[in-house]
């Protein structure tokens, strides 16, 4: 894990996650890029991180939930 500002991508489509991560990695060098296709796994990761600051790229229409619900889930820490 870097000491910078990480980017966390949450999208239920693996191809979208990969594309977004590739684009961000082309220009972003201040932190690491983490991708998740499962919003529950992403929430667990986020809640267990030491840092409580990150850049989020979240799909609004996740498979069975809203991306806003994901953000609500982690809002206490972030």
C-alpha atoms as a PDB file:
ATOM      1  CA  UNK A   1       0.000   0.000   0.000  1.00  0.00           C
ATOM      2  CA  UNK A   2       1.313   3.410  -0.874  1.00  0.00           C
ATOM      3  CA  UNK A   3       1.364   6.382   1.482  1.00  0.00           C
ATOM      4  CA  UNK A   4      -0.559   8.445  -1.051  1.00  0.00           C
ATOM      5  CA  UNK A   5      -4.191   8.937  -1.879  1.00  0.00           C
ATOM      6  CA  UNK A   6      -5.582   5.650  -3.198  1.00  0.00           C
ATOM      7  CA  UNK A   7      -8.319   5.272  -5.792  1.00  0.00           C
ATOM      8  CA  UNK A   8     -11.057   2.700  -5.149  1.00  0.00           C
ATOM      9  CA  UNK A   9     -13.151   1.590  -8.121  1.00  0.00           C
ATOM     10  CA  UNK A  10     -16.431  -0.259  -7.509  1.00  0.00           C
ATOM     11  CA  UNK A  11     -18.347  -1.598 -10.515  1.00  0.00           C
ATOM     12  CA  UNK A  12     -20.135  -4.923 -10.966  1.00  0.00           C
ATOM     13  CA  UNK A  13     -18.806  -5.231 -14.529  1.00  0.00           C
ATOM     14  CA  UNK A  14     -15.234  -6.637 -14.529  1.00  0.00           C
ATOM     15  CA  UNK A  15     -14.459  -5.151 -17.955  1.00  0.00           C
ATOM     16  CA  UNK A  16     -15.481  -1.696 -16.763  1.00  0.00           C
ATOM     17  CA  UNK A  17     -13.314  -2.039 -13.654  1.00  0.00           C
ATOM     18  CA  UNK A  18     -10.332  -3.032 -15.759  1.00  0.00           C
ATOM     19  CA  UNK A  19     -10.870  -0.192 -18.244  1.00  0.00           C
ATOM     20  CA  UNK A  20     -11.285   2.416 -15.520  1.00  0.00           C
ATOM     21  CA  UNK A  21      -8.210   1.157 -13.652  1.00  0.00           C
ATOM     22  CA  UNK A  22      -6.162   1.248 -16.876  1.00  0.00           C
ATOM     23  CA  UNK A  23      -7.211   4.846 -17.557  1.00  0.00           C
ATOM     24  CA  UNK A  24      -6.510   6.013 -14.001  1.00  0.00           C
ATOM     25  CA  UNK A  25      -3.140   4.231 -13.904  1.00  0.00           C
ATOM     26  CA  UNK A  26      -2.062   6.094 -17.039  1.00  0.00           C
ATOM     27  CA  UNK A  27      -1.993   9.444 -15.258  1.00  0.00           C
ATOM     28  CA  UNK A  28      -2.418   8.915 -11.532  1.00  0.00           C
ATOM     29  CA  UNK A  29       0.752   8.362  -9.507  1.00  0.00           C
ATOM     30  CA  UNK A  30      -0.092   9.584  -5.990  1.00  0.00           C
ATOM     31  CA  UNK A  31      -1.492   6.278  -4.775  1.00  0.00           C
ATOM     32  CA  UNK A  32      -2.633   2.798  -5.720  1.00  0.00           C
ATOM     33  CA  UNK A  33      -5.742   1.807  -7.654  1.00  0.00           C
ATOM     34  CA  UNK A  34      -7.939  -0.920  -6.156  1.00  0.00           C
ATOM     35  CA  UNK A  35     -10.851  -2.439  -8.099  1.00  0.00           C
ATOM     36  CA  UNK A  36     -13.842  -4.364  -6.794  1.00  0.00           C
ATOM     37  CA  UNK A  37     -16.710  -6.041  -8.618  1.00  0.00           C
ATOM     38  CA  UNK A  38     -18.430  -6.962  -5.352  1.00  0.00           C
ATOM     39  CA  UNK A  39     -19.709  -3.999  -3.349  1.00  0.00           C
ATOM     40  CA  UNK A  40     -19.743  -5.969  -0.068  1.00  0.00           C
ATOM     41  CA  UNK A  41     -16.102  -6.953  -0.529  1.00  0.00           C
ATOM     42  CA  UNK A  42     -15.288  -3.332  -1.337  1.00  0.00           C
ATOM     43  CA  UNK A  43     -17.106  -2.102   1.781  1.00  0.00           C
ATOM     44  CA  UNK A  44     -15.265  -4.618   3.968  1.00  0.00           C
ATOM     45  CA  UNK A  45     -11.938  -3.543   2.475  1.00  0.00           C
ATOM     46  CA  UNK A  46     -12.754   0.135   2.962  1.00  0.00           C
ATOM     47  CA  UNK A  47     -13.846  -0.274   6.573  1.00  0.00           C
ATOM     48  CA  UNK A  48     -10.649  -2.195   7.423  1.00  0.00           C
ATOM     49  CA  UNK A  49      -8.228   0.266   5.822  1.00  0.00           C
ATOM     50  CA  UNK A  50      -5.991   2.299   8.110  1.00  0.00           C
ATOM     51  CA  UNK A  51      -6.553   5.463   6.119  1.00  0.00           C
ATOM     52  CA  UNK A  52      -9.973   7.071   6.046  1.00  0.00           C
ATOM     53  CA  UNK A  53      -9.395   9.051   2.869  1.00  0.00           C
ATOM     54  CA  UNK A  54      -9.537   7.849  -0.724  1.00  0.00           C
ATOM     55  CA  UNK A  55     -10.846   8.762  -4.144  1.00  0.00           C
ATOM     56  CA  UNK A  56     -13.898   6.702  -5.112  1.00  0.00           C
ATOM     57  CA  UNK A  57     -15.170   5.842  -8.578  1.00  0.00           C
ATOM     58  CA  UNK A  58     -18.469   4.029  -8.048  1.00  0.00           C
ATOM     59  CA  UNK A  59     -21.011   2.699 -10.514  1.00  0.00           C
ATOM     60  CA  UNK A  60     -24.422   4.048  -9.534  1.00  0.00           C
ATOM     61  CA  UNK A  61     -26.216   0.910 -10.768  1.00  0.00           C
ATOM     62  CA  UNK A  62     -24.563  -2.072  -9.089  1.00  0.00           C
ATOM     63  CA  UNK A  63     -26.035  -5.556  -9.652  1.00  0.00           C
ATOM     64  CA  UNK A  64     -28.579  -5.625  -6.841  1.00  0.00           C
ATOM     65  CA  UNK A  65     -27.876  -2.362  -5.037  1.00  0.00           C
ATOM     66  CA  UNK A  66     -27.276   1.279  -5.638  1.00  0.00           C
ATOM     67  CA  UNK A  67     -23.790   2.740  -5.599  1.00  0.00           C
ATOM     68  CA  UNK A  68     -25.206   5.313  -3.211  1.00  0.00           C
ATOM     69  CA  UNK A  69     -26.021   2.526  -0.741  1.00  0.00           C
ATOM     70  CA  UNK A  70     -22.366   1.460  -0.921  1.00  0.00           C
ATOM     71  CA  UNK A  71     -21.294   5.019  -0.128  1.00  0.00           C
ATOM     72  CA  UNK A  72     -23.775   5.160   2.761  1.00  0.00           C
ATOM     73  CA  UNK A  73     -22.290   1.926   4.120  1.00  0.00           C
ATOM     74  CA  UNK A  74     -18.788   3.384   4.337  1.00  0.00           C
ATOM     75  CA  UNK A  75     -19.755   6.973   5.168  1.00  0.00           C
ATOM     76  CA  UNK A  76     -19.061   6.655   8.911  1.00  0.00           C
ATOM     77  CA  UNK A  77     -15.378   6.069   8.238  1.00  0.00           C
ATOM     78  CA  UNK A  78     -15.002   8.339   5.222  1.00  0.00           C
END
